[in-house]
Amino acid sequence: MAKGQEVQIKGTPEGLVICLNPAADFERLKHSLIQQLERARDFFAGARFTFYHGKKKLPAEKAEELLHLVAQYGLVYTEDIDFPTVPAAARSKPLAREKTTVGLASETDAPRAGEPATEVLPAGAEDAVLIRNSLRSGQSVTATKHVIVTGDLHPGASITAIGSIIVLGSLLGTAAAGIGGNRSAVIVAQKLAPAAISIAGVAGTLPAEPLVNGKAVLRAGEIVYLTV
């Protein structure tokens, strides 16, 4: 990145990489990002993206602020983009690529004793934030991944996620999945009776009665309820 340049947006086969200058003042960086997104508002809408901040990880609150800013322009955050990339022809041997995530800090980020350095996941597996308790009135969670709650989402509690939301108990609060335009996101709960629900910015009408093993999906621009 050129000296004095706060933001560069690069295209890769997997999506866009928003490169952030780790030496830049955060307010100047944010202003530069807004300018670039405004100039290409229609072109970028719906594109997958990730952030690259060099070896320096953004603080969680700043990462969250930037994620919400970019989501307003219709971009969809993903952690499935590797950067920097190296052309295959230039590689003399396999190289480990750096994961470009600025996801919000959670208990899953901390290494555990005895945990292997690498994980082998089955095809189709994706990262998620696991919450091992219920969320009560006044509590809220905002995540750049899928969210799984092993307890209940009580009235007055809320979850906002770029990915899907899965509640193993009762979902009685507010659930907003697929923020930023992720139309494939779903909301699933053992008991689905939300106070408010939306997917990819589309607000849904509430189910007439609680759904057992209920699932909300976005079809033809409307939220549809199913049973699983």
Foldseek 3Di string as FASTA:
>chain_A
DDPPDAWDWDADPQWIEIEGELVDDLVVNLVNVVVVCVVCLVVQAAIEYFYADDPDADAQVSVVVVVLVLLVSRYAYDQPDFPDDDDPVPDPDDDDTDGGHNKHDDPVPDDDPPDDPDDDDDPPDGDEHEAAEEDEAPEEEETAGEYEYAAEDYDNYEYAYLAEYEYAAEYAEEYEYNRSQNQAHKYWYQWYFYPWYYYNPQTADTDPHIDGRKMWHADPNYIDIDHD
